[in-house]
């Protein structure tokens, strides 16, 4: 049994590494591959179908899938041309738009009446949970740090986002400043270096 952990790897790595492992294996040998999104499962199925190899898969966790591909007879190393013929859908965690980062620096949305702003922010986060494609990361800092802590009216919506694979990060300096460190109820603690890094790497930044 060949075991490969391809979680966190972008397309086409799960397909390429699985193919290489099976090409050097004996006929009848099975590769057990762990991936963290359904698109990767589909790409591995295409690989198996293309080669005539048997394919099985099961979902073993919230964002974890186990794929088993068994090599058949007469499937030696392919040429670069044959390799290029294997279709590969770009990998993405199910329902997540890579490169989209939501940045929330206040508990209120917009400027004007604070009570209205808080209501708008609550509505914004709820609406975010209803989107077909969710942000890859939600960054919370300054007044936005209150949203991820106990007592927040948006806490359940942030938890729903996290359950669907969205990374929730709250500024640690902000939590300390507001005395919220022991009240953080969803996601992890971040720092300014990571906050800058996440924003600089984002292809789209969403600011409510």
N, C-alpha and C. Protein backbone atom coordinates (compact mmCIF):
# COMPACT_ATOMS: atom_id res chain seq x y z
N UNK A 1 0.84 -1.19 0.00
CA UNK A 1 0.00 0.00 0.00
C UNK A 1 0.88 1.25 0.00
N UNK A 2 0.63 2.15 -0.95
CA UNK A 2 1.33 3.44 -1.01
C UNK A 2 0.44 4.47 -0.33
N UNK A 3 1.00 5.23 0.59
CA UNK A 3 0.22 6.26 1.28
C UNK A 3 0.80 7.64 0.99
N UNK A 4 -0.07 8.54 0.50
CA UNK A 4 0.33 9.90 0.16
C UNK A 4 -0.56 10.90 0.87
N UNK A 5 0.04 11.89 1.48
CA UNK A 5 -0.71 12.97 2.13
C UNK A 5 -0.59 14.22 1.26
N UNK A 6 -1.65 14.50 0.50
CA UNK A 6 -1.64 15.63 -0.44
C UNK A 6 -2.48 16.80 0.06
N UNK A 7 -2.82 16.80 1.33
CA UNK A 7 -3.62 17.89 1.90
C UNK A 7 -2.82 19.19 1.87
N UNK A 8 -3.48 20.26 1.46
CA UNK A 8 -2.84 21.56 1.42
C UNK A 8 -2.04 21.82 0.15
N UNK A 9 -1.98 20.85 -0.75
CA UNK A 9 -1.21 21.01 -1.99
C UNK A 9 -2.12 21.46 -3.13
N UNK A 10 -1.62 22.40 -3.92
CA UNK A 10 -2.40 22.94 -5.01
C UNK A 10 -2.31 22.06 -6.26
N UNK A 11 -3.36 22.12 -7.08
CA UNK A 11 -3.37 21.42 -8.35
C UNK A 11 -2.22 21.94 -9.23
N UNK A 12 -1.48 21.06 -9.91
CA UNK A 12 -1.80 19.64 -10.15
C UNK A 12 -0.99 18.68 -9.28
N UNK A 13 -0.41 19.14 -8.16
CA UNK A 13 0.49 18.29 -7.37
C UNK A 13 -0.14 16.97 -6.92
N UNK A 14 -1.39 16.95 -6.38
CA UNK A 14 -1.95 15.66 -5.96
C UNK A 14 -2.01 14.64 -7.10
N UNK A 15 -2.37 15.11 -8.30
CA UNK A 15 -2.45 14.22 -9.46
C UNK A 15 -1.05 13.77 -9.89
N UNK A 16 -0.15 14.73 -10.01
CA UNK A 16 1.21 14.42 -10.48
C UNK A 16 1.92 13.44 -9.54
N UNK A 17 1.84 13.69 -8.24
CA UNK A 17 2.55 12.84 -7.29
C UNK A 17 1.92 11.45 -7.17
N UNK A 18 0.60 11.40 -7.29
CA UNK A 18 -0.07 10.10 -7.27
C UNK A 18 0.29 9.29 -8.51
N UNK A 19 0.30 9.95 -9.66
CA UNK A 19 0.64 9.27 -10.91
C UNK A 19 2.07 8.73 -10.88
N UNK A 20 3.00 9.54 -10.39
CA UNK A 20 4.40 9.11 -10.31
C UNK A 20 4.55 7.89 -9.39
N UNK A 21 3.85 7.94 -8.25
CA UNK A 21 3.96 6.84 -7.29
C UNK A 21 3.43 5.54 -7.89
N UNK A 22 2.31 5.61 -8.62
CA UNK A 22 1.72 4.40 -9.18
C UNK A 22 2.47 3.90 -10.41
N UNK A 23 3.08 4.82 -11.15
CA UNK A 23 3.84 4.39 -12.32
C UNK A 23 5.07 3.57 -11.94
N UNK A 24 5.59 3.83 -10.75
CA UNK A 24 6.77 3.07 -10.30
C UNK A 24 6.37 1.86 -9.44
N UNK A 25 5.06 1.65 -9.30
CA UNK A 25 4.57 0.53 -8.49
C UNK A 25 4.26 -0.68 -9.37
N UNK A 26 4.08 -1.81 -8.73
CA UNK A 26 3.72 -3.03 -9.46
C UNK A 26 2.23 -3.04 -9.77
N UNK A 27 1.86 -3.76 -10.82
CA UNK A 27 0.45 -3.90 -11.18
C UNK A 27 -0.32 -4.49 -9.99
N UNK A 28 -1.46 -3.93 -9.70
CA UNK A 28 -2.28 -4.41 -8.60
C UNK A 28 -2.03 -3.68 -7.30
N UNK A 29 -0.99 -2.83 -7.25
CA UNK A 29 -0.70 -2.08 -6.02
C UNK A 29 -1.64 -0.89 -5.91
N UNK A 30 -1.98 -0.53 -4.67
CA UNK A 30 -2.94 0.54 -4.41
C UNK A 30 -2.27 1.74 -3.74
N UNK A 31 -2.67 2.94 -4.18
CA UNK A 31 -2.23 4.18 -3.54
C UNK A 31 -3.40 4.75 -2.75
N UNK A 32 -3.16 5.02 -1.48
CA UNK A 32 -4.16 5.67 -0.62
C UNK A 32 -3.75 7.13 -0.48
N UNK A 33 -4.59 8.03 -0.97
CA UNK A 33 -4.25 9.44 -1.06
C UNK A 33 -5.20 10.27 -0.21
N UNK A 34 -4.65 11.12 0.67
CA UNK A 34 -5.46 12.04 1.46
C UNK A 34 -5.44 13.41 0.81
N UNK A 35 -6.62 13.98 0.57
CA UNK A 35 -6.74 15.34 0.04
C UNK A 35 -7.76 16.11 0.87
N UNK A 36 -7.77 17.45 0.70
CA UNK A 36 -8.64 18.26 1.54
C UNK A 36 -9.70 19.05 0.76
N UNK A 37 -9.98 18.63 -0.47
CA UNK A 37 -11.06 19.28 -1.21
C UNK A 37 -11.60 18.33 -2.27
N UNK A 38 -12.86 18.56 -2.63
CA UNK A 38 -13.55 17.65 -3.54
C UNK A 38 -13.04 17.77 -4.98
N UNK A 39 -12.52 18.95 -5.33
CA UNK A 39 -11.98 19.13 -6.68
C UNK A 39 -10.78 18.19 -6.89
N UNK A 40 -9.94 18.04 -5.86
CA UNK A 40 -8.80 17.13 -5.95
C UNK A 40 -9.27 15.70 -6.13
N UNK A 41 -10.38 15.34 -5.47
CA UNK A 41 -10.95 14.00 -5.65
C UNK A 41 -11.35 13.80 -7.11
N UNK A 42 -12.00 14.80 -7.68
CA UNK A 42 -12.45 14.71 -9.07
C UNK A 42 -11.26 14.58 -10.02
N UNK A 43 -10.19 15.33 -9.74
CA UNK A 43 -9.01 15.26 -10.59
C UNK A 43 -8.35 13.88 -10.51
N UNK A 44 -8.32 13.29 -9.33
CA UNK A 44 -7.75 11.95 -9.18
C UNK A 44 -8.62 10.90 -9.87
N UNK A 45 -9.93 11.12 -9.86
CA UNK A 45 -10.82 10.21 -10.59
C UNK A 45 -10.53 10.28 -12.10
N UNK A 46 -10.29 11.50 -12.60
CA UNK A 46 -9.97 11.65 -14.02
C UNK A 46 -8.67 10.92 -14.37
N UNK A 47 -7.70 11.01 -13.46
CA UNK A 47 -6.44 10.29 -13.67
C UNK A 47 -6.69 8.79 -13.77
N UNK A 48 -7.47 8.25 -12.81
CA UNK A 48 -7.76 6.82 -12.80
C UNK A 48 -8.52 6.40 -14.04
N UNK A 49 -9.53 7.19 -14.43
CA UNK A 49 -10.31 6.86 -15.62
C UNK A 49 -9.45 6.89 -16.88
N UNK A 50 -8.56 7.87 -16.93
CA UNK A 50 -7.67 8.02 -18.10
C UNK A 50 -6.76 6.82 -18.27
N UNK A 51 -6.33 6.25 -17.14
CA UNK A 51 -5.40 5.10 -17.18
C UNK A 51 -6.10 3.75 -17.10
N UNK A 52 -7.39 3.75 -16.82
CA UNK A 52 -8.09 2.49 -16.65
C UNK A 52 -7.81 1.84 -15.30
N UNK A 53 -7.46 2.64 -14.31
CA UNK A 53 -7.20 2.15 -12.96
C UNK A 53 -8.48 2.19 -12.13
N UNK A 54 -8.61 1.28 -11.16
CA UNK A 54 -9.80 1.28 -10.30
C UNK A 54 -9.73 2.45 -9.32
N UNK A 55 -10.89 2.97 -8.95
CA UNK A 55 -10.95 4.19 -8.14
C UNK A 55 -12.03 4.07 -7.07
N UNK A 56 -11.69 4.45 -5.85
CA UNK A 56 -12.65 4.50 -4.74
C UNK A 56 -12.34 5.72 -3.89
N UNK A 57 -13.35 6.28 -3.27
CA UNK A 57 -13.10 7.40 -2.37
C UNK A 57 -14.18 7.46 -1.29
N UNK A 58 -13.83 8.13 -0.19
CA UNK A 58 -14.80 8.38 0.88
C UNK A 58 -14.41 9.65 1.62
N UNK A 59 -15.42 10.33 2.15
CA UNK A 59 -15.18 11.53 2.95
C UNK A 59 -14.96 11.09 4.39
N UNK A 60 -13.81 11.42 4.96
CA UNK A 60 -13.46 10.95 6.30
C UNK A 60 -13.53 12.03 7.36
N UNK A 61 -13.80 13.28 6.94
CA UNK A 61 -13.89 14.38 7.89
C UNK A 61 -14.49 15.59 7.23
N UNK A 62 -14.58 16.69 7.96
CA UNK A 62 -15.18 17.90 7.43
C UNK A 62 -14.54 18.37 6.14
N UNK A 63 -13.21 18.38 6.10
CA UNK A 63 -12.48 18.80 4.91
C UNK A 63 -11.40 17.77 4.55
N UNK A 64 -11.73 16.50 4.71
CA UNK A 64 -10.74 15.45 4.43
C UNK A 64 -11.37 14.32 3.64
N UNK A 65 -10.68 13.90 2.58
CA UNK A 65 -11.15 12.84 1.70
C UNK A 65 -10.05 11.80 1.53
N UNK A 66 -10.45 10.53 1.50
CA UNK A 66 -9.50 9.44 1.28
C UNK A 66 -9.81 8.79 -0.06
N UNK A 67 -8.80 8.81 -0.93
CA UNK A 67 -8.95 8.24 -2.26
C UNK A 67 -8.07 7.00 -2.37
N UNK A 68 -8.59 5.95 -3.02
CA UNK A 68 -7.79 4.74 -3.27
C UNK A 68 -7.81 4.44 -4.76
N UNK A 69 -6.61 4.39 -5.34
CA UNK A 69 -6.46 4.08 -6.75
C UNK A 69 -5.57 2.85 -6.87
N UNK A 70 -6.05 1.84 -7.61
CA UNK A 70 -5.28 0.62 -7.80
C UNK A 70 -4.79 0.55 -9.24
N UNK A 71 -3.49 0.38 -9.38
CA UNK A 71 -2.89 0.32 -10.72
C UNK A 71 -3.25 -0.97 -11.43
N UNK A 72 -3.62 -0.85 -12.70
CA UNK A 72 -3.93 -2.02 -13.50
C UNK A 72 -2.72 -2.50 -14.28
N UNK A 73 -2.94 -3.44 -15.18
CA UNK A 73 -1.86 -4.01 -15.99
C UNK A 73 -1.50 -3.09 -17.16
N UNK A 74 -0.25 -3.15 -17.59
CA UNK A 74 0.16 -2.49 -18.83
C UNK A 74 0.03 -0.99 -18.84
N UNK A 75 0.30 -0.32 -17.71
CA UNK A 75 0.20 1.14 -17.67
C UNK A 75 1.53 1.70 -17.22
N UNK A 76 2.49 1.67 -18.12
CA UNK A 76 3.83 2.17 -17.81
C UNK A 76 3.91 3.67 -17.82
N UNK A 77 5.11 4.21 -17.69
CA UNK A 77 5.33 5.64 -17.67
C UNK A 77 4.85 6.26 -18.97
N UNK A 78 4.12 7.37 -18.85
CA UNK A 78 3.55 8.01 -20.03
C UNK A 78 4.49 9.05 -20.60
N UNK A 79 4.23 9.46 -21.83
CA UNK A 79 5.00 10.53 -22.46
C UNK A 79 4.49 11.87 -21.98
N UNK A 80 5.27 12.96 -22.16
CA UNK A 80 4.79 14.29 -21.78
C UNK A 80 3.48 14.64 -22.48
N UNK A 81 3.29 14.17 -23.72
CA UNK A 81 2.06 14.46 -24.45
C UNK A 81 0.86 13.79 -23.78
N UNK A 82 1.04 12.52 -23.38
CA UNK A 82 -0.05 11.81 -22.71
C UNK A 82 -0.34 12.44 -21.36
N UNK A 83 0.71 12.92 -20.70
CA UNK A 83 0.54 13.57 -19.41
C UNK A 83 -0.31 14.82 -19.54
N UNK A 84 -0.09 15.57 -20.61
CA UNK A 84 -0.82 16.81 -20.81
C UNK A 84 -2.28 16.57 -21.12
N UNK A 85 -2.61 15.33 -21.57
CA UNK A 85 -3.98 15.02 -21.93
C UNK A 85 -4.86 14.77 -20.70
N UNK A 86 -4.25 14.58 -19.53
CA UNK A 86 -5.03 14.34 -18.32
C UNK A 86 -5.64 15.65 -17.86
N UNK A 87 -6.98 15.78 -17.87
CA UNK A 87 -7.60 17.04 -17.48
C UNK A 87 -7.45 17.28 -15.99
N UNK A 88 -7.31 18.54 -15.61
CA UNK A 88 -7.16 18.89 -14.19
C UNK A 88 -7.91 20.18 -13.91
N UNK A 89 -8.97 20.08 -13.12
CA UNK A 89 -9.71 21.26 -12.72
C UNK A 89 -8.93 21.96 -11.61
N UNK A 90 -8.78 23.30 -11.67
CA UNK A 90 -8.04 24.00 -10.63
C UNK A 90 -8.57 23.66 -9.24
N UNK A 91 -7.65 23.32 -8.32
CA UNK A 91 -8.06 22.91 -6.98
C UNK A 91 -8.49 24.09 -6.14
N UNK A 92 -9.49 23.87 -5.34
CA UNK A 92 -9.99 24.88 -4.43
C UNK A 92 -10.76 24.15 -3.36
N UNK A 93 -10.56 24.50 -2.10
CA UNK A 93 -11.38 23.90 -1.07
C UNK A 93 -12.83 24.17 -1.42
N UNK A 94 -13.69 23.21 -1.20
CA UNK A 94 -15.07 23.30 -1.63
C UNK A 94 -15.72 24.59 -1.12
N UNK A 95 -16.20 25.43 -2.06
CA UNK A 95 -16.89 26.66 -1.67
C UNK A 95 -15.99 27.81 -1.28
N UNK A 96 -14.67 27.67 -1.42
CA UNK A 96 -13.74 28.72 -1.03
C UNK A 96 -13.13 29.37 -2.27
N UNK A 97 -13.12 30.70 -2.30
CA UNK A 97 -12.48 31.42 -3.40
C UNK A 97 -11.07 31.79 -2.97
N UNK A 98 -10.08 31.13 -3.54
CA UNK A 98 -8.70 31.38 -3.20
C UNK A 98 -8.32 32.82 -3.55
N UNK A 99 -7.60 33.46 -2.64
CA UNK A 99 -7.15 34.82 -2.88
C UNK A 99 -8.10 35.90 -2.41
N UNK A 100 -9.31 35.51 -1.98
CA UNK A 100 -10.27 36.49 -1.46
C UNK A 100 -10.13 36.58 0.05
N UNK A 101 -9.83 37.76 0.55
CA UNK A 101 -9.65 37.99 1.98
C UNK A 101 -10.59 39.11 2.44
N UNK A 102 -11.36 38.84 3.48
CA UNK A 102 -12.23 39.85 4.07
C UNK A 102 -11.51 40.49 5.24
N UNK A 103 -11.44 41.81 5.24
CA UNK A 103 -10.73 42.56 6.28
C UNK A 103 -11.74 43.41 7.04
N UNK A 104 -11.86 43.14 8.34
CA UNK A 104 -12.85 43.83 9.17
C UNK A 104 -12.14 44.52 10.33
N UNK A 105 -12.16 45.85 10.34
CA UNK A 105 -11.42 46.63 11.34
C UNK A 105 -12.33 47.33 12.33
N UNK A 106 -13.63 47.03 12.28
CA UNK A 106 -14.58 47.70 13.18
C UNK A 106 -15.77 46.79 13.42
N UNK A 107 -16.44 47.03 14.52
CA UNK A 107 -17.66 46.28 14.79
C UNK A 107 -18.86 46.88 14.09
N UNK A 108 -18.64 48.02 13.42
CA UNK A 108 -19.72 48.69 12.71
C UNK A 108 -19.35 48.83 11.24
N UNK A 109 -20.34 48.77 10.38
CA UNK A 109 -20.12 48.88 8.94
C UNK A 109 -20.45 50.30 8.49
N UNK A 110 -19.47 50.94 7.87
CA UNK A 110 -19.69 52.29 7.37
C UNK A 110 -19.57 53.35 8.45
N UNK A 111 -19.81 54.58 8.05
CA UNK A 111 -19.72 55.72 8.97
C UNK A 111 -21.08 56.35 9.16
N UNK A 112 -21.31 56.88 10.36
CA UNK A 112 -22.60 57.48 10.69
C UNK A 112 -23.05 57.00 12.05
N UNK A 113 -24.26 56.53 12.14
CA UNK A 113 -24.81 56.07 13.41
C UNK A 113 -24.20 54.72 13.80
N UNK A 114 -23.62 54.63 15.00
CA UNK A 114 -22.95 53.40 15.44
C UNK A 114 -23.93 52.23 15.57
N UNK A 115 -25.14 52.53 16.03
CA UNK A 115 -26.13 51.46 16.20
C UNK A 115 -26.51 50.87 14.84
N UNK A 116 -26.70 51.74 13.86
CA UNK A 116 -27.00 51.28 12.51
C UNK A 116 -25.81 50.52 11.94
N UNK A 117 -24.60 51.04 12.19
CA UNK A 117 -23.39 50.39 11.68
C UNK A 117 -23.23 48.98 12.21
N UNK A 118 -23.55 48.78 13.51
CA UNK A 118 -23.45 47.45 14.11
C UNK A 118 -24.47 46.50 13.50
N UNK A 119 -25.66 47.03 13.22
CA UNK A 119 -26.70 46.22 12.59
C UNK A 119 -26.29 45.81 11.18
N UNK A 120 -25.68 46.77 10.45
CA UNK A 120 -25.23 46.48 9.09
C UNK A 120 -24.12 45.43 9.09
N UNK A 121 -23.20 45.52 10.06
CA UNK A 121 -22.11 44.55 10.13
C UNK A 121 -22.65 43.16 10.41
N UNK A 122 -23.62 43.07 11.31
CA UNK A 122 -24.23 41.77 11.60
C UNK A 122 -24.88 41.20 10.35
N UNK A 123 -25.56 42.05 9.59
CA UNK A 123 -26.21 41.61 8.35
C UNK A 123 -25.17 41.20 7.30
N UNK A 124 -24.06 41.95 7.26
CA UNK A 124 -23.00 41.64 6.30
C UNK A 124 -22.43 40.26 6.56
N UNK A 125 -22.10 39.94 7.80
CA UNK A 125 -21.50 38.64 8.11
C UNK A 125 -22.48 37.50 7.88
N UNK A 126 -23.75 37.75 8.16
CA UNK A 126 -24.75 36.71 7.85
C UNK A 126 -24.82 36.49 6.33
N UNK A 127 -24.87 37.61 5.58
CA UNK A 127 -24.93 37.50 4.12
C UNK A 127 -23.71 36.79 3.56
N UNK A 128 -22.56 36.98 4.21
CA UNK A 128 -21.33 36.32 3.77
C UNK A 128 -21.46 34.80 3.86
N UNK A 129 -22.13 34.32 4.90
CA UNK A 129 -22.31 32.87 5.06
C UNK A 129 -23.21 32.27 3.98
N UNK A 130 -23.98 33.12 3.31
CA UNK A 130 -24.92 32.64 2.30
C UNK A 130 -24.35 32.62 0.89
N UNK A 131 -23.11 33.08 0.73
CA UNK A 131 -22.50 33.13 -0.59
C UNK A 131 -22.09 31.74 -1.08
N UNK A 132 -22.12 31.55 -2.39
CA UNK A 132 -21.67 30.29 -2.97
C UNK A 132 -20.17 30.11 -2.81
N UNK A 133 -19.42 31.20 -2.95
CA UNK A 133 -17.98 31.18 -2.76
C UNK A 133 -17.61 32.07 -1.59
N UNK A 134 -16.96 31.49 -0.60
CA UNK A 134 -16.60 32.20 0.62
C UNK A 134 -15.16 32.70 0.54
N UNK A 135 -14.82 33.71 1.36
CA UNK A 135 -13.42 34.16 1.38
C UNK A 135 -12.51 33.09 1.94
N UNK A 136 -11.27 33.12 1.52
CA UNK A 136 -10.29 32.18 2.05
C UNK A 136 -9.96 32.51 3.51
N UNK A 137 -9.91 33.81 3.82
CA UNK A 137 -9.53 34.28 5.16
C UNK A 137 -10.38 35.47 5.57
N UNK A 138 -10.71 35.55 6.85
CA UNK A 138 -11.32 36.75 7.44
C UNK A 138 -10.35 37.28 8.49
N UNK A 139 -9.89 38.51 8.31
CA UNK A 139 -8.97 39.15 9.25
C UNK A 139 -9.74 40.15 10.10
N UNK A 140 -9.60 40.04 11.41
CA UNK A 140 -10.30 40.93 12.35
C UNK A 140 -9.28 41.68 13.19
N UNK A 141 -9.33 43.01 13.17
CA UNK A 141 -8.42 43.78 14.01
C UNK A 141 -9.08 45.07 14.48
N UNK A 142 -8.43 45.76 15.43
CA UNK A 142 -9.00 46.92 16.12
C UNK A 142 -10.41 46.57 16.61
N UNK A 143 -11.42 47.40 16.32
CA UNK A 143 -12.76 47.12 16.83
C UNK A 143 -13.36 45.84 16.29
N UNK A 144 -12.84 45.35 15.16
CA UNK A 144 -13.35 44.10 14.60
C UNK A 144 -13.05 42.90 15.47
N UNK A 145 -12.08 43.04 16.39
CA UNK A 145 -11.72 41.94 17.29
C UNK A 145 -12.89 41.53 18.18
N UNK A 146 -13.78 42.46 18.48
CA UNK A 146 -14.93 42.14 19.33
C UNK A 146 -15.85 41.11 18.67
N UNK A 147 -15.85 41.06 17.35
CA UNK A 147 -16.79 40.19 16.64
C UNK A 147 -16.52 38.71 16.84
N UNK A 148 -15.26 38.35 17.10
CA UNK A 148 -14.90 36.93 17.25
C UNK A 148 -14.86 36.49 18.71
N UNK A 149 -15.34 37.34 19.60
CA UNK A 149 -15.27 37.04 21.04
C UNK A 149 -16.65 36.76 21.63
N UNK A 150 -16.64 36.17 22.81
CA UNK A 150 -17.89 35.86 23.52
C UNK A 150 -18.74 37.12 23.64
N UNK A 151 -20.04 36.96 23.42
CA UNK A 151 -20.95 38.09 23.51
C UNK A 151 -21.25 38.74 22.17
N UNK A 152 -20.49 38.39 21.14
CA UNK A 152 -20.70 38.96 19.82
C UNK A 152 -21.96 38.39 19.18
N UNK A 153 -22.77 39.25 18.59
CA UNK A 153 -23.97 38.79 17.91
C UNK A 153 -23.64 38.13 16.57
N UNK A 154 -22.41 38.27 16.13
CA UNK A 154 -21.99 37.66 14.86
C UNK A 154 -21.18 36.39 15.07
N UNK A 155 -21.07 35.95 16.31
CA UNK A 155 -20.22 34.81 16.62
C UNK A 155 -20.66 33.54 15.89
N UNK A 156 -21.95 33.28 15.84
CA UNK A 156 -22.44 32.07 15.18
C UNK A 156 -22.16 32.09 13.68
N UNK A 157 -22.27 33.28 13.07
CA UNK A 157 -21.98 33.38 11.65
C UNK A 157 -20.50 33.13 11.37
N UNK A 158 -19.62 33.64 12.22
CA UNK A 158 -18.18 33.39 12.06
C UNK A 158 -17.86 31.91 12.25
N UNK A 159 -18.54 31.27 13.18
CA UNK A 159 -18.34 29.84 13.39
C UNK A 159 -18.79 29.04 12.18
N UNK A 160 -19.88 29.46 11.55
CA UNK A 160 -20.36 28.77 10.35
C UNK A 160 -19.34 28.90 9.22
N UNK A 161 -18.75 30.10 9.11
CA UNK A 161 -17.72 30.30 8.09
C UNK A 161 -16.52 29.39 8.34
N UNK A 162 -16.10 29.30 9.61
CA UNK A 162 -14.96 28.46 9.96
C UNK A 162 -15.26 26.99 9.67
N UNK A 163 -16.48 26.56 9.96
CA UNK A 163 -16.86 25.16 9.71
C UNK A 163 -16.80 24.82 8.22
N UNK A 164 -16.99 25.84 7.38
CA UNK A 164 -16.97 25.62 5.93
C UNK A 164 -15.58 25.83 5.33
N UNK A 165 -14.58 26.00 6.19
CA UNK A 165 -13.21 26.07 5.72
C UNK A 165 -12.58 27.44 5.66
N UNK A 166 -13.30 28.48 6.09
CA UNK A 166 -12.74 29.84 6.09
C UNK A 166 -11.81 30.00 7.29
N UNK A 167 -10.64 30.58 7.05
CA UNK A 167 -9.68 30.84 8.12
C UNK A 167 -10.06 32.15 8.81
N UNK A 168 -10.30 32.09 10.12
CA UNK A 168 -10.67 33.28 10.91
C UNK A 168 -9.49 33.65 11.79
N UNK A 169 -8.97 34.86 11.61
CA UNK A 169 -7.80 35.31 12.37
C UNK A 169 -8.07 36.66 13.02
N UNK A 170 -7.78 36.75 14.33
CA UNK A 170 -7.98 37.99 15.08
C UNK A 170 -6.65 38.50 15.60
N UNK A 171 -6.43 39.79 15.48
CA UNK A 171 -5.19 40.44 15.92
C UNK A 171 -4.96 40.23 17.42
N UNK A 172 -3.81 39.64 17.78
CA UNK A 172 -3.49 39.39 19.19
C UNK A 172 -3.26 40.67 19.97
N UNK A 173 -2.62 41.66 19.37
CA UNK A 173 -2.39 42.95 20.04
C UNK A 173 -3.71 43.62 20.38
N UNK A 174 -4.67 43.51 19.47
CA UNK A 174 -6.00 44.10 19.67
C UNK A 174 -6.74 43.38 20.80
N UNK A 175 -6.63 42.06 20.84
CA UNK A 175 -7.26 41.30 21.91
C UNK A 175 -6.69 41.71 23.27
N UNK A 176 -5.38 41.88 23.33
CA UNK A 176 -4.73 42.32 24.58
C UNK A 176 -5.16 43.73 24.96
N UNK A 177 -5.19 44.62 23.99
CA UNK A 177 -5.53 46.02 24.26
C UNK A 177 -6.93 46.17 24.84
N UNK A 178 -7.87 45.40 24.27
CA UNK A 178 -9.27 45.49 24.72
C UNK A 178 -9.60 44.51 25.84
N UNK A 179 -8.62 43.75 26.32
CA UNK A 179 -8.86 42.79 27.39
C UNK A 179 -9.75 41.63 26.97
N UNK A 180 -9.57 41.19 25.72
CA UNK A 180 -10.45 40.15 25.15
C UNK A 180 -9.76 38.81 24.97
N UNK A 181 -8.50 38.71 25.36
CA UNK A 181 -7.72 37.51 25.05
C UNK A 181 -8.38 36.23 25.54
N UNK A 182 -9.00 36.26 26.70
CA UNK A 182 -9.63 35.06 27.26
C UNK A 182 -11.04 34.85 26.75
N UNK A 183 -11.51 35.77 25.90
CA UNK A 183 -12.89 35.67 25.41
C UNK A 183 -12.98 35.29 23.93
N UNK A 184 -11.83 35.09 23.30
CA UNK A 184 -11.84 34.68 21.89
C UNK A 184 -12.59 33.36 21.76
N UNK A 185 -13.58 33.30 20.86
CA UNK A 185 -14.45 32.12 20.78
C UNK A 185 -14.46 31.45 19.42
N UNK A 186 -13.74 32.01 18.46
CA UNK A 186 -13.68 31.38 17.13
C UNK A 186 -12.38 31.78 16.45
N UNK A 187 -11.81 30.84 15.70
CA UNK A 187 -10.60 31.13 14.94
C UNK A 187 -9.34 31.18 15.79
N UNK A 188 -8.29 31.75 15.21
CA UNK A 188 -7.00 31.82 15.88
C UNK A 188 -6.52 33.24 16.09
N UNK A 189 -5.40 33.36 16.78
CA UNK A 189 -4.79 34.65 17.08
C UNK A 189 -3.71 34.95 16.04
N UNK A 190 -3.73 36.15 15.51
CA UNK A 190 -2.78 36.54 14.49
C UNK A 190 -1.87 37.67 15.00
N UNK A 191 -0.93 38.09 14.15
CA UNK A 191 -0.03 39.19 14.48
C UNK A 191 0.07 40.11 13.26
N UNK A 192 0.71 41.26 13.43
CA UNK A 192 0.73 42.23 12.34
C UNK A 192 1.51 41.72 11.12
N UNK A 193 2.54 40.95 11.36
CA UNK A 193 3.29 40.39 10.22
C UNK A 193 2.38 39.52 9.35
N UNK A 194 1.61 38.63 10.01
CA UNK A 194 0.72 37.75 9.26
C UNK A 194 -0.41 38.53 8.60
N UNK A 195 -0.92 39.55 9.29
CA UNK A 195 -2.00 40.37 8.74
C UNK A 195 -1.54 41.05 7.45
N UNK A 196 -0.32 41.61 7.49
CA UNK A 196 0.24 42.25 6.30
C UNK A 196 0.48 41.22 5.19
N UNK A 197 1.00 40.06 5.56
CA UNK A 197 1.30 39.01 4.60
C UNK A 197 0.02 38.52 3.91
N UNK A 198 -1.03 38.30 4.69
CA UNK A 198 -2.29 37.82 4.13
C UNK A 198 -2.87 38.83 3.14
N UNK A 199 -2.79 40.11 3.49
CA UNK A 199 -3.35 41.13 2.61
C UNK A 199 -2.50 41.33 1.36
N UNK A 200 -1.19 41.25 1.51
CA UNK A 200 -0.32 41.46 0.36
C UNK A 200 -0.42 40.32 -0.65
N UNK A 201 -0.79 39.13 -0.18
CA UNK A 201 -0.91 37.98 -1.07
C UNK A 201 -2.31 37.82 -1.64
N UNK A 202 -3.27 38.57 -1.10
CA UNK A 202 -4.66 38.45 -1.55
C UNK A 202 -4.82 39.03 -2.95
N UNK A 203 -5.62 38.38 -3.77
CA UNK A 203 -5.92 38.92 -5.10
C UNK A 203 -7.12 39.87 -5.02
N UNK A 204 -7.99 39.65 -4.04
CA UNK A 204 -9.16 40.52 -3.82
C UNK A 204 -9.30 40.73 -2.32
N UNK A 205 -9.46 41.99 -1.89
CA UNK A 205 -9.70 42.30 -0.48
C UNK A 205 -11.10 42.89 -0.35
N UNK A 206 -11.89 42.29 0.52
CA UNK A 206 -13.26 42.71 0.77
C UNK A 206 -13.30 43.49 2.07
N UNK A 207 -13.69 44.77 2.00
CA UNK A 207 -13.75 45.62 3.19
C UNK A 207 -15.16 46.15 3.39
N UNK A 208 -15.89 45.61 4.35
CA UNK A 208 -17.28 46.09 4.58
C UNK A 208 -17.28 47.51 5.17
